Amino acid sequence: MTTGTTAREFARPRWPAYPLSALVPGLGHWYLGRWRRGAIWFALYALALAFLSARTLAGALEPGHPFVIAALQFGSVSYADVAVPLAVLIVCLLDVYLLGLARTGFDGGDGG
């Protein structure tokens, strides 16, 4: 019974998972059928953006400044504000790559 599910998973190409994860962390995991793992990556990335980048958006919430204009002023963004969300994104991409590699190489795929 699990053979039918596995055969259906292998019928879909894995390459779309990589750009999907680059656009939205966790979306590539959803594409590969790992919904719970994808939801965890998305939540982790959202938390990193919300809490660790809060310093960047703090000035955008002041009265008298349009939110979108203040949030898009990249000159005021420091590396420390984007380092953790970027690291989460990179590790998510590595995870989806290794998942695709493990499914192809070790779960009965032809491996190239």
PDB file of N, CA and C in Angstrom:
ATOM      1  N   MET A   1       0.804  -1.188   0.000  1.00  0.00           N
ATOM      2  CA  MET A   1       0.000   0.000   0.000  1.00  0.00           C
ATOM      3  C   MET A   1       0.852   1.260   0.000  1.00  0.00           C
ATOM      4  N   THR A   2       1.959   1.235   0.672  1.00  0.00           N
ATOM      5  CA  THR A   2       2.831   2.403   0.635  1.00  0.00           C
ATOM      6  C   THR A   2       3.561   2.509  -0.698  1.00  0.00           C
ATOM      7  N   THR A   3       3.613   1.405  -1.454  1.00  0.00           N
ATOM      8  CA  THR A   3       4.281   1.435  -2.751  1.00  0.00           C
ATOM      9  C   THR A   3       3.560   2.369  -3.712  1.00  0.00           C
ATOM     10  N   GLY A   4       2.208   2.374  -3.699  1.00  0.00           N
ATOM     11  CA  GLY A   4       1.448   3.275  -4.561  1.00  0.00           C
ATOM     12  C   GLY A   4       1.687   4.733  -4.221  1.00  0.00           C
ATOM     13  N   THR A   5       1.750   5.045  -2.928  1.00  0.00           N
ATOM     14  CA  THR A   5       2.013   6.415  -2.503  1.00  0.00           C
ATOM     15  C   THR A   5       3.413   6.837  -2.921  1.00  0.00           C
ATOM     16  N   THR A   6       4.381   5.948  -2.742  1.00  0.00           N
ATOM     17  CA  THR A   6       5.752   6.266  -3.103  1.00  0.00           C
ATOM     18  C   THR A   6       5.886   6.449  -4.606  1.00  0.00           C
ATOM     19  N   ALA A   7       5.219   5.620  -5.386  1.00  0.00           N
ATOM     20  CA  ALA A   7       5.290   5.742  -6.838  1.00  0.00           C
ATOM     21  C   ALA A   7       4.680   7.062  -7.298  1.00  0.00           C
ATOM     22  N   ARG A   8       3.609   7.500  -6.645  1.00  0.00           N
ATOM     23  CA  ARG A   8       2.996   8.778  -6.990  1.00  0.00           C
ATOM     24  C   ARG A   8       3.918   9.939  -6.647  1.00  0.00           C
ATOM     25  N   GLU A   9       4.642   9.843  -5.516  1.00  0.00           N
ATOM     26  CA  GLU A   9       5.574  10.904  -5.137  1.00  0.00           C
ATOM     27  C   GLU A   9       6.726  11.002  -6.122  1.00  0.00           C
ATOM     28  N   PHE A  10       7.203   9.870  -6.619  1.00  0.00           N
ATOM     29  CA  PHE A  10       8.340   9.878  -7.531  1.00  0.00           C
ATOM     30  C   PHE A  10       7.945  10.285  -8.942  1.00  0.00           C
ATOM     31  N   ALA A  11       6.669  10.300  -9.260  1.00  0.00           N
ATOM     32  CA  ALA A  11       6.235  10.700 -10.585  1.00  0.00           C
ATOM     33  C   ALA A  11       6.380  12.205 -10.787  1.00  0.00           C
ATOM     34  N   ARG A  12       6.415  12.974  -9.748  1.00  0.00           N
ATOM     35  CA  ARG A  12       6.518  14.439  -9.849  1.00  0.00           C
ATOM     36  C   ARG A  12       7.989  14.844  -9.784  1.00  0.00           C
ATOM     37  N   PRO A  13       8.391  15.786 -10.631  1.00  0.00           N
ATOM     38  CA  PRO A  13       9.798  16.239 -10.618  1.00  0.00           C
ATOM     39  C   PRO A  13      10.118  17.012  -9.340  1.00  0.00           C
ATOM     40  N   ARG A  14      11.377  16.948  -8.911  1.00  0.00           N
ATOM     41  CA  ARG A  14      11.780  17.588  -7.666  1.00  0.00           C
ATOM     42  C   ARG A  14      12.317  19.009  -7.863  1.00  0.00           C
ATOM     43  N   TRP A  15      12.717  19.382  -9.074  1.00  0.00           N
ATOM     44  CA  TRP A  15      13.365  20.676  -9.265  1.00  0.00           C
ATOM     45  C   TRP A  15      12.475  21.859  -8.910  1.00  0.00           C
ATOM     46  N   PRO A  16      11.125  21.810  -9.059  1.00  0.00           N
ATOM     47  CA  PRO A  16      10.340  22.992  -8.660  1.00  0.00           C
ATOM     48  C   PRO A  16      10.381  23.282  -7.161  1.00  0.00           C
ATOM     49  N   ALA A  17      10.766  22.309  -6.358  1.00  0.00           N
ATOM     50  CA  ALA A  17      10.817  22.523  -4.911  1.00  0.00           C
ATOM     51  C   ALA A  17      11.870  23.563  -4.535  1.00  0.00           C
ATOM     52  N   TYR A  18      12.936  23.656  -5.320  1.00  0.00           N
ATOM     53  CA  TYR A  18      14.019  24.581  -4.972  1.00  0.00           C
ATOM     54  C   TYR A  18      13.629  26.040  -5.173  1.00  0.00           C
ATOM     55  N   PRO A  19      13.110  26.427  -6.343  1.00  0.00           N
ATOM     56  CA  PRO A  19      12.695  27.835  -6.456  1.00  0.00           C
ATOM     57  C   PRO A  19      11.500  28.170  -5.575  1.00  0.00           C
ATOM     58  N   LEU A  20      10.628  27.187  -5.317  1.00  0.00           N
ATOM     59  CA  LEU A  20       9.502  27.443  -4.415  1.00  0.00           C
ATOM     60  C   LEU A  20       9.999  27.764  -3.015  1.00  0.00           C
ATOM     61  N   SER A  21      11.013  27.036  -2.555  1.00  0.00           N
ATOM     62  CA  SER A  21      11.574  27.304  -1.229  1.00  0.00           C
ATOM     63  C   SER A  21      12.319  28.631  -1.199  1.00  0.00           C
ATOM     64  N   ALA A  22      12.898  29.025  -2.324  1.00  0.00           N
ATOM     65  CA  ALA A  22      13.587  30.313  -2.362  1.00  0.00           C
ATOM     66  C   ALA A  22      12.585  31.468  -2.292  1.00  0.00           C
ATOM     67  N   LEU A  23      11.397  31.275  -2.875  1.00  0.00           N
ATOM     68  CA  LEU A  23      10.365  32.309  -2.825  1.00  0.00           C
ATOM     69  C   LEU A  23       9.713  32.388  -1.455  1.00  0.00           C
ATOM     70  N   VAL A  24       9.279  31.242  -0.952  1.00  0.00           N
ATOM     71  CA  VAL A  24       8.623  31.164   0.357  1.00  0.00           C
ATOM     72  C   VAL A  24       9.191  29.952   1.087  1.00  0.00           C
ATOM     73  N   PRO A  25       9.962  30.157   2.154  1.00  0.00           N
ATOM     74  CA  PRO A  25      10.520  29.021   2.875  1.00  0.00           C
ATOM     75  C   PRO A  25       9.416  28.074   3.350  1.00  0.00           C
ATOM     76  N   GLY A  26       9.605  26.794   3.072  1.00  0.00           N
ATOM     77  CA  GLY A  26       8.625  25.775   3.439  1.00  0.00           C
ATOM     78  C   GLY A  26       7.734  25.356   2.288  1.00  0.00           C
ATOM     79  N   LEU A  27       7.610  26.185   1.257  1.00  0.00           N
ATOM     80  CA  LEU A  27       6.735  25.858   0.136  1.00  0.00           C
ATOM     81  C   LEU A  27       7.281  24.683  -0.677  1.00  0.00           C
ATOM     82  N   GLY A  28       8.586  24.576  -0.783  1.00  0.00           N
ATOM     83  CA  GLY A  28       9.192  23.433  -1.465  1.00  0.00           C
ATOM     84  C   GLY A  28       8.953  22.136  -0.722  1.00  0.00           C
ATOM     85  N   HIS A  29       8.939  22.201   0.605  1.00  0.00           N
ATOM     86  CA  HIS A  29       8.640  21.020   1.411  1.00  0.00           C
ATOM     87  C   HIS A  29       7.191  20.585   1.182  1.00  0.00           C
ATOM     88  N   TRP A  30       6.295  21.561   1.088  1.00  0.00           N
ATOM     89  CA  TRP A  30       4.891  21.248   0.799  1.00  0.00           C
ATOM     90  C   TRP A  30       4.788  20.560  -0.554  1.00  0.00           C
ATOM     91  N   TYR A  31       5.530  21.046  -1.526  1.00  0.00           N
ATOM     92  CA  TYR A  31       5.514  20.470  -2.867  1.00  0.00           C
ATOM     93  C   TYR A  31       5.989  19.016  -2.841  1.00  0.00           C
ATOM     94  N   LEU A  32       6.984  18.725  -2.009  1.00  0.00           N
ATOM     95  CA  LEU A  32       7.501  17.364  -1.904  1.00  0.00           C
ATOM     96  C   LEU A  32       6.638  16.464  -1.037  1.00  0.00           C
ATOM     97  N   GLY A  33       5.574  17.003  -0.460  1.00  0.00           N
ATOM     98  CA  GLY A  33       4.681  16.204   0.364  1.00  0.00           C
ATOM     99  C   GLY A  33       5.028  16.202   1.838  1.00  0.00           C
ATOM    100  N   ARG A  34       5.930  17.057   2.249  1.00  0.00           N
ATOM    101  CA  ARG A  34       6.313  17.176   3.661  1.00  0.00           C
ATOM    102  C   ARG A  34       5.632  18.398   4.259  1.00  0.00           C
ATOM    103  N   TRP A  35       4.319  18.313   4.467  1.00  0.00           N
ATOM    104  CA  TRP A  35       3.522  19.471   4.883  1.00  0.00           C
ATOM    105  C   TRP A  35       3.895  19.961   6.264  1.00  0.00           C
ATOM    106  N   ARG A  36       4.065  19.054   7.195  1.00  0.00           N
ATOM    107  CA  ARG A  36       4.391  19.462   8.568  1.00  0.00           C
ATOM    108  C   ARG A  36       5.757  20.147   8.609  1.00  0.00           C
ATOM    109  N   ARG A  37       6.710  19.575   7.917  1.00  0.00           N
ATOM    110  CA  ARG A  37       8.042  20.162   7.881  1.00  0.00           C
ATOM    111  C   ARG A  37       8.021  21.535   7.197  1.00  0.00           C
ATOM    112  N   GLY A  38       7.234  21.647   6.133  1.00  0.00           N
ATOM    113  CA  GLY A  38       7.095  22.931   5.446  1.00  0.00           C
ATOM    114  C   GLY A  38       6.463  23.988   6.331  1.00  0.00           C
ATOM    115  N   ALA A  39       5.461  23.586   7.105  1.00  0.00           N
ATOM    116  CA  ALA A  39       4.811  24.528   8.018  1.00  0.00           C
ATOM    117  C   ALA A  39       5.776  24.991   9.106  1.00  0.00           C
ATOM    118  N   ILE A  40       6.626  24.092   9.570  1.00  0.00           N
ATOM    119  CA  ILE A  40       7.615  24.461  10.587  1.00  0.00           C
ATOM    120  C   ILE A  40       8.634  25.442  10.021  1.00  0.00           C
ATOM    121  N   TRP A  41       9.116  25.208   8.790  1.00  0.00           N
ATOM    122  CA  TRP A  41      10.067  26.133   8.165  1.00  0.00           C
ATOM    123  C   TRP A  41       9.427  27.491   7.938  1.00  0.00           C
ATOM    124  N   PHE A  42       8.181  27.501   7.484  1.00  0.00           N
ATOM    125  CA  PHE A  42       7.506  28.777   7.251  1.00  0.00           C
ATOM    126  C   PHE A  42       7.324  29.544   8.555  1.00  0.00           C
ATOM    127  N   ALA A  43       6.906  28.853   9.616  1.00  0.00           N
ATOM    128  CA  ALA A  43       6.715  29.501  10.916  1.00  0.00           C
ATOM    129  C   ALA A  43       8.042  30.033  11.462  1.00  0.00           C
ATOM    130  N   LEU A  44       9.103  29.267  11.296  1.00  0.00           N
ATOM    131  CA  LEU A  44      10.416  29.705  11.768  1.00  0.00           C
ATOM    132  C   LEU A  44      10.881  30.950  11.025  1.00  0.00           C
ATOM    133  N   TYR A  45      10.663  30.978   9.719  1.00  0.00           N
ATOM    134  CA  TYR A  45      11.055  32.148   8.926  1.00  0.00           C
ATOM    135  C   TYR A  45      10.200  33.367   9.285  1.00  0.00           C
ATOM    136  N   ALA A  46       8.907  33.149   9.466  1.00  0.00           N
ATOM    137  CA  ALA A  46       8.023  34.256   9.838  1.00  0.00           C
ATOM    138  C   ALA A  46       8.409  34.822  11.208  1.00  0.00           C
ATOM    139  N   LEU A  47       8.744  33.950  12.153  1.00  0.00           N
ATOM    140  CA  LEU A  47       9.183  34.414  13.472  1.00  0.00           C
ATOM    141  C   LEU A  47      10.495  35.186  13.375  1.00  0.00           C
ATOM    142  N   ALA A  48      11.401  34.697  12.544  1.00  0.00           N
ATOM    143  CA  ALA A  48      12.677  35.404  12.380  1.00  0.00           C
ATOM    144  C   ALA A  48      12.455  36.785  11.786  1.00  0.00           C
ATOM    145  N   LEU A  49      11.563  36.876  10.816  1.00  0.00           N
ATOM    146  CA  LEU A  49      11.267  38.189  10.241  1.00  0.00           C
ATOM    147  C   LEU A  49      10.558  39.092  11.239  1.00  0.00           C
ATOM    148  N   ALA A  50       9.629  38.537  11.985  1.00  0.00           N
ATOM    149  CA  ALA A  50       8.825  39.348  12.901  1.00  0.00           C
ATOM    150  C   ALA A  50       9.635  39.852  14.091  1.00  0.00           C
ATOM    151  N   PHE A  51      10.423  38.990  14.703  1.00  0.00           N
ATOM    152  CA  PHE A  51      11.094  39.368  15.939  1.00  0.00           C
ATOM    153  C   PHE A  51      12.510  39.867  15.736  1.00  0.00           C
ATOM    154  N   LEU A  52      13.250  39.271  14.840  1.00  0.00           N
ATOM    155  CA  LEU A  52      14.640  39.662  14.691  1.00  0.00           C
ATOM    156  C   LEU A  52      14.815  40.841  13.755  1.00  0.00           C
ATOM    157  N   SER A  53      13.835  41.103  12.917  1.00  0.00           N
ATOM    158  CA  SER A  53      13.905  42.272  12.054  1.00  0.00           C
ATOM    159  C   SER A  53      13.035  43.402  12.575  1.00  0.00           C
ATOM    160  N   ALA A  54      12.592  43.299  13.789  1.00  0.00           N
ATOM    161  CA  ALA A  54      11.690  44.299  14.363  1.00  0.00           C
ATOM    162  C   ALA A  54      12.367  45.659  14.482  1.00  0.00           C
ATOM    163  N   ARG A  55      13.675  45.674  14.656  1.00  0.00           N
ATOM    164  CA  ARG A  55      14.370  46.966  14.768  1.00  0.00           C
ATOM    165  C   ARG A  55      14.250  47.765  13.485  1.00  0.00           C
ATOM    166  N   THR A  56      14.266  47.095  12.344  1.00  0.00           N
ATOM    167  CA  THR A  56      14.161  47.784  11.063  1.00  0.00           C
ATOM    168  C   THR A  56      12.785  48.412  10.905  1.00  0.00           C
ATOM    169  N   LEU A  57      11.754  47.700  11.309  1.00  0.00           N
ATOM    170  CA  LEU A  57      10.394  48.177  11.132  1.00  0.00           C
ATOM    171  C   LEU A  57       9.931  49.090  12.264  1.00  0.00           C
ATOM    172  N   ALA A  58      10.728  49.202  13.336  1.00  0.00           N
ATOM    173  CA  ALA A  58      10.309  50.025  14.467  1.00  0.00           C
ATOM    174  C   ALA A  58      10.138  51.486  14.042  1.00  0.00           C
ATOM    175  N   GLY A  59      11.037  51.984  13.221  1.00  0.00           N
ATOM    176  CA  GLY A  59      10.920  53.365  12.758  1.00  0.00           C
ATOM    177  C   GLY A  59       9.771  53.549  11.778  1.00  0.00           C
ATOM    178  N   ALA A  60       9.360  52.481  11.148  1.00  0.00           N
ATOM    179  CA  ALA A  60       8.267  52.571  10.174  1.00  0.00           C
ATOM    180  C   ALA A  60       6.917  52.748  10.850  1.00  0.00           C
ATOM    181  N   LEU A  61       6.841  52.445  12.123  1.00  0.00           N
ATOM    182  CA  LEU A  61       5.567  52.536  12.830  1.00  0.00           C
ATOM    183  C   LEU A  61       5.359  53.890  13.514  1.00  0.00           C
ATOM    184  N   GLU A  62       6.313  54.795  13.364  1.00  0.00           N
ATOM    185  CA  GLU A  62       6.171  56.119  13.959  1.00  0.00           C
ATOM    186  C   GLU A  62       5.114  56.919  13.206  1.00  0.00           C
ATOM    187  N   PRO A  63       4.331  57.720  13.920  1.00  0.00           N
ATOM    188  CA  PRO A  63       3.343  58.557  13.227  1.00  0.00           C
ATOM    189  C   PRO A  63       4.023  59.579  12.325  1.00  0.00           C
ATOM    190  N   GLY A  64       3.410  59.848  11.220  1.00  0.00           N
ATOM    191  CA  GLY A  64       3.959  60.832  10.289  1.00  0.00           C
ATOM    192  C   GLY A  64       4.829  60.231   9.200  1.00  0.00           C
ATOM    193  N   HIS A  65       5.176  58.961   9.325  1.00  0.00           N
ATOM    194  CA  HIS A  65       5.968  58.276   8.295  1.00  0.00           C
ATOM    195  C   HIS A  65       5.091  57.223   7.626  1.00  0.00           C
ATOM    196  N   PRO A  66       4.944  57.275   6.330  1.00  0.00           N
ATOM    197  CA  PRO A  66       4.205  56.200   5.659  1.00  0.00           C
ATOM    198  C   PRO A  66       4.906  54.864   5.871  1.00  0.00           C
ATOM    199  N   PHE A  67       4.147  53.854   6.245  1.00  0.00           N
ATOM    200  CA  PHE A  67       4.717  52.556   6.613  1.00  0.00           C
ATOM    201  C   PHE A  67       5.519  51.943   5.471  1.00  0.00           C
ATOM    202  N   VAL A  68       4.958  51.917   4.276  1.00  0.00           N
ATOM    203  CA  VAL A  68       5.618  51.254   3.156  1.00  0.00           C
ATOM    204  C   VAL A  68       6.909  51.959   2.792  1.00  0.00           C
ATOM    205  N   ILE A  69       6.895  53.273   2.784  1.00  0.00           N
ATOM    206  CA  ILE A  69       8.100  54.034   2.425  1.00  0.00           C
ATOM    207  C   ILE A  69       9.197  53.805   3.457  1.00  0.00           C
ATOM    208  N   ALA A  70       8.866  53.846   4.728  1.00  0.00           N
ATOM    209  CA  ALA A  70       9.866  53.658   5.782  1.00  0.00           C
ATOM    210  C   ALA A  70      10.387  52.228   5.805  1.00  0.00           C
ATOM    211  N   ALA A  71       9.525  51.251   5.528  1.00  0.00           N
ATOM    212  CA  ALA A  71       9.945  49.854   5.553  1.00  0.00           C
ATOM    213  C   ALA A  71      10.851  49.521   4.372  1.00  0.00           C
ATOM    214  N   LEU A  72      10.726  50.244   3.279  1.00  0.00           N
ATOM    215  CA  LEU A  72      11.516  49.955   2.084  1.00  0.00           C
ATOM    216  C   LEU A  72      12.779  50.800   1.968  1.00  0.00           C
ATOM    217  N   GLN A  73      13.127  51.528   2.991  1.00  0.00           N
ATOM    218  CA  GLN A  73      14.364  52.315   2.968  1.00  0.00           C
ATOM    219  C   GLN A  73      15.527  51.391   3.316  1.00  0.00           C
ATOM    220  N   PHE A  74      16.144  50.848   2.269  1.00  0.00           N
ATOM    221  CA  PHE A  74      17.185  49.850   2.476  1.00  0.00           C
ATOM    222  C   PHE A  74      18.474  50.442   3.029  1.00  0.00           C
ATOM    223  N   GLY A  75      18.635  51.737   2.956  1.00  0.00           N
ATOM    224  CA  GLY A  75      19.827  52.363   3.507  1.00  0.00           C
ATOM    225  C   GLY A  75      19.885  52.250   5.025  1.00  0.00           C
ATOM    226  N   SER A  76      18.727  52.127   5.667  1.00  0.00           N
ATOM    227  CA  SER A  76      18.696  52.030   7.120  1.00  0.00           C
ATOM    228  C   SER A  76      18.734  50.594   7.622  1.00  0.00           C
ATOM    229  N   VAL A  77      18.803  49.631   6.711  1.00  0.00           N
ATOM    230  CA  VAL A  77      18.828  48.219   7.103  1.00  0.00           C
ATOM    231  C   VAL A  77      20.271  47.794   7.308  1.00  0.00           C
ATOM    232  N   SER A  78      20.529  47.200   8.468  1.00  0.00           N
ATOM    233  CA  SER A  78      21.877  46.704   8.740  1.00  0.00           C
ATOM    234  C   SER A  78      21.924  45.194   8.505  1.00  0.00           C
ATOM    235  N   TYR A  79      23.130  44.678   8.411  1.00  0.00           N
ATOM    236  CA  TYR A  79      23.312  43.247   8.182  1.00  0.00           C
ATOM    237  C   TYR A  79      22.715  42.423   9.319  1.00  0.00           C
ATOM    238  N   ALA A  80      22.818  42.918  10.546  1.00  0.00           N
ATOM    239  CA  ALA A  80      22.295  42.181  11.698  1.00  0.00           C
ATOM    240  C   ALA A  80      20.778  42.009  11.611  1.00  0.00           C
ATOM    241  N   ASP A  81      20.091  42.931  10.934  1.00  0.00           N
ATOM    242  CA  ASP A  81      18.639  42.838  10.822  1.00  0.00           C
ATOM    243  C   ASP A  81      18.193  41.727   9.880  1.00  0.00           C
ATOM    244  N   VAL A  82      19.006  41.398   8.902  1.00  0.00           N
ATOM    245  CA  VAL A  82      18.604  40.400   7.911  1.00  0.00           C
ATOM    246  C   VAL A  82      19.387  39.101   8.017  1.00  0.00           C
ATOM    247  N   ALA A  83      20.369  39.021   8.894  1.00  0.00           N
ATOM    248  CA  ALA A  83      21.234  37.845   8.967  1.00  0.00           C
ATOM    249  C   ALA A  83      20.466  36.586   9.377  1.00  0.00           C
ATOM    250  N   VAL A  84      19.661  36.665  10.407  1.00  0.00           N
ATOM    251  CA  VAL A  84      18.972  35.463  10.887  1.00  0.00           C
ATOM    252  C   VAL A  84      17.883  35.009   9.908  1.00  0.00           C
ATOM    253  N   PRO A  85      17.018  35.893   9.394  1.00  0.00           N
ATOM    254  CA  PRO A  85      16.067  35.414   8.381  1.00  0.00           C
ATOM    255  C   PRO A  85      16.753  34.847   7.136  1.00  0.00           C
ATOM    256  N   LEU A  86      17.861  35.443   6.735  1.00  0.00           N
ATOM    257  CA  LEU A  86      18.596  34.923   5.588  1.00  0.00           C
ATOM    258  C   LEU A  86      19.200  33.555   5.898  1.00  0.00           C
ATOM    259  N   ALA A  87      19.712  33.381   7.104  1.00  0.00           N
ATOM    260  CA  ALA A  87      20.266  32.084   7.504  1.00  0.00           C
ATOM    261  C   ALA A  87      19.172  31.016   7.531  1.00  0.00           C
ATOM    262  N   VAL A  88      17.986  31.364   8.012  1.00  0.00           N
ATOM    263  CA  VAL A  88      16.872  30.415   8.022  1.00  0.00           C
ATOM    264  C   VAL A  88      16.507  30.025   6.593  1.00  0.00           C
ATOM    265  N   LEU A  89      16.484  30.983   5.690  1.00  0.00           N
ATOM    266  CA  LEU A  89      16.187  30.707   4.292  1.00  0.00           C
ATOM    267  C   LEU A  89      17.223  29.781   3.666  1.00  0.00           C
ATOM    268  N   ILE A  90      18.490  30.017   3.925  1.00  0.00           N
ATOM    269  CA  ILE A  90      19.560  29.199   3.352  1.00  0.00           C
ATOM    270  C   ILE A  90      19.506  27.775   3.898  1.00  0.00           C
ATOM    271  N   VAL A  91      19.287  27.621   5.189  1.00  0.00           N
ATOM    272  CA  VAL A  91      19.208  26.281   5.773  1.00  0.00           C
ATOM    273  C   VAL A  91      17.957  25.550   5.276  1.00  0.00           C
ATOM    274  N   CYS A  92      16.864  26.284   5.062  1.00  0.00           N
ATOM    275  CA  CYS A  92      15.647  25.687   4.495  1.00  0.00           C
ATOM    276  C   CYS A  92      15.918  25.175   3.082  1.00  0.00           C
ATOM    277  N   LEU A  93      16.626  25.956   2.272  1.00  0.00           N
ATOM    278  CA  LEU A  93      16.993  25.520   0.927  1.00  0.00           C
ATOM    279  C   LEU A  93      17.890  24.289   0.969  1.00  0.00           C
ATOM    280  N   LEU A  94      18.833  24.264   1.887  1.00  0.00           N
ATOM    281  CA  LEU A  94      19.700  23.102   2.038  1.00  0.00           C
ATOM    282  C   LEU A  94      18.897  21.872   2.453  1.00  0.00           C
ATOM    283  N   ASP A  95      17.942  22.067   3.339  1.00  0.00           N
ATOM    284  CA  ASP A  95      17.105  20.956   3.798  1.00  0.00           C
ATOM    285  C   ASP A  95      16.267  20.377   2.661  1.00  0.00           C
ATOM    286  N   VAL A  96      15.651  21.239   1.860  1.00  0.00           N
ATOM    287  CA  VAL A  96      14.825  20.738   0.756  1.00  0.00           C
ATOM    288  C   VAL A  96      15.703  20.071  -0.300  1.00  0.00           C
ATOM    289  N   TYR A  97      16.921  20.557  -0.493  1.00  0.00           N
ATOM    290  CA  TYR A  97      17.848  19.926  -1.423  1.00  0.00           C
ATOM    291  C   TYR A  97      18.230  18.529  -0.927  1.00  0.00           C
ATOM    292  N   LEU A  98      18.570  18.424   0.355  1.00  0.00           N
ATOM    293  CA  LEU A  98      18.951  17.126   0.905  1.00  0.00           C
ATOM    294  C   LEU A  98      17.780  16.148   0.923  1.00  0.00           C
ATOM    295  N   LEU A  99      16.559  16.650   1.140  1.00  0.00           N
ATOM    296  CA  LEU A  99      15.387  15.776   1.063  1.00  0.00           C
ATOM    297  C   LEU A  99      15.218  15.216  -0.342  1.00  0.00           C
ATOM    298  N   GLY A 100      15.350  16.067  -1.342  1.00  0.00           N
ATOM    299  CA  GLY A 100      15.245  15.613  -2.724  1.00  0.00           C
ATOM    300  C   GLY A 100      16.353  14.657  -3.086  1.00  0.00           C
ATOM    301  N   LEU A 101      17.551  14.918  -2.600  1.00  0.00           N
ATOM    302  CA  LEU A 101      18.691  14.058  -2.865  1.00  0.00           C
ATOM    303  C   LEU A 101      18.511  12.696  -2.199  1.00  0.00           C
ATOM    304  N   ALA A 102      18.017  12.693  -0.968  1.00  0.00           N
ATOM    305  CA  ALA A 102      17.822  11.436  -0.247  1.00  0.00           C
ATOM    306  C   ALA A 102      16.729  10.600  -0.901  1.00  0.00           C
ATOM    307  N   ARG A 103      15.671  11.221  -1.363  1.00  0.00           N
ATOM    308  CA  ARG A 103      14.594  10.474  -2.016  1.00  0.00           C
ATOM    309  C   ARG A 103      15.056   9.870  -3.331  1.00  0.00           C
ATOM    310  N   THR A 104      15.885  10.594  -4.068  1.00  0.00           N
ATOM    311  CA  THR A 104      16.355  10.096  -5.354  1.00  0.00           C
ATOM    312  C   THR A 104      17.405   9.010  -5.172  1.00  0.00           C
ATOM    313  N   GLY A 105      18.338   9.246  -4.265  1.00  0.00           N
ATOM    314  CA  GLY A 105      19.469   8.338  -4.137  1.00  0.00           C
ATOM    315  C   GLY A 105      19.236   7.117  -3.280  1.00  0.00           C
ATOM    316  N   PHE A 106      18.378   7.226  -2.255  1.00  0.00           N
ATOM    317  CA  PHE A 106      18.282   6.155  -1.289  1.00  0.00           C
ATOM    318  C   PHE A 106      16.923   5.490  -1.217  1.00  0.00           C
ATOM    319  N   ASP A 107      15.892   6.084  -1.741  1.00  0.00           N
ATOM    320  CA  ASP A 107      14.559   5.515  -1.611  1.00  0.00           C
ATOM    321  C   ASP A 107      14.097   4.746  -2.850  1.00  0.00           C
ATOM    322  N   GLY A 108      15.019   4.273  -3.627  1.00  0.00           N
ATOM    323  CA  GLY A 108      14.636   3.438  -4.758  1.00  0.00           C
ATOM    324  C   GLY A 108      14.640   4.146  -6.073  1.00  0.00           C
ATOM    325  N   GLY A 109      15.062   5.416  -6.115  1.00  0.00           N
ATOM    326  CA  GLY A 109      15.140   6.112  -7.382  1.00  0.00           C
ATOM    327  C   GLY A 109      16.336   5.626  -8.182  1.00  0.00           C
ATOM    328  N   ASP A 110      16.438   6.036  -9.428  1.00  0.00           N
ATOM    329  CA  ASP A 110      17.535   5.562 -10.265  1.00  0.00           C
ATOM    330  C   ASP A 110      18.854   6.243  -9.914  1.00  0.00           C
ATOM    331  N   GLY A 111      18.807   7.416  -9.271  1.00  0.00           N
ATOM    332  CA  GLY A 111      20.012   8.073  -8.793  1.00  0.00           C
ATOM    333  C   GLY A 111      20.854   8.697  -9.889  1.00  0.00           C
ATOM    334  N   GLY A 112      20.413   8.702 -11.102  1.00  0.00           N
ATOM    335  CA  GLY A 112      21.117   9.399 -12.175  1.00  0.00           C
ATOM    336  C   GLY A 112      21.812   8.459 -13.022  1.00  0.00           C
TER     337      GLY A 112
END
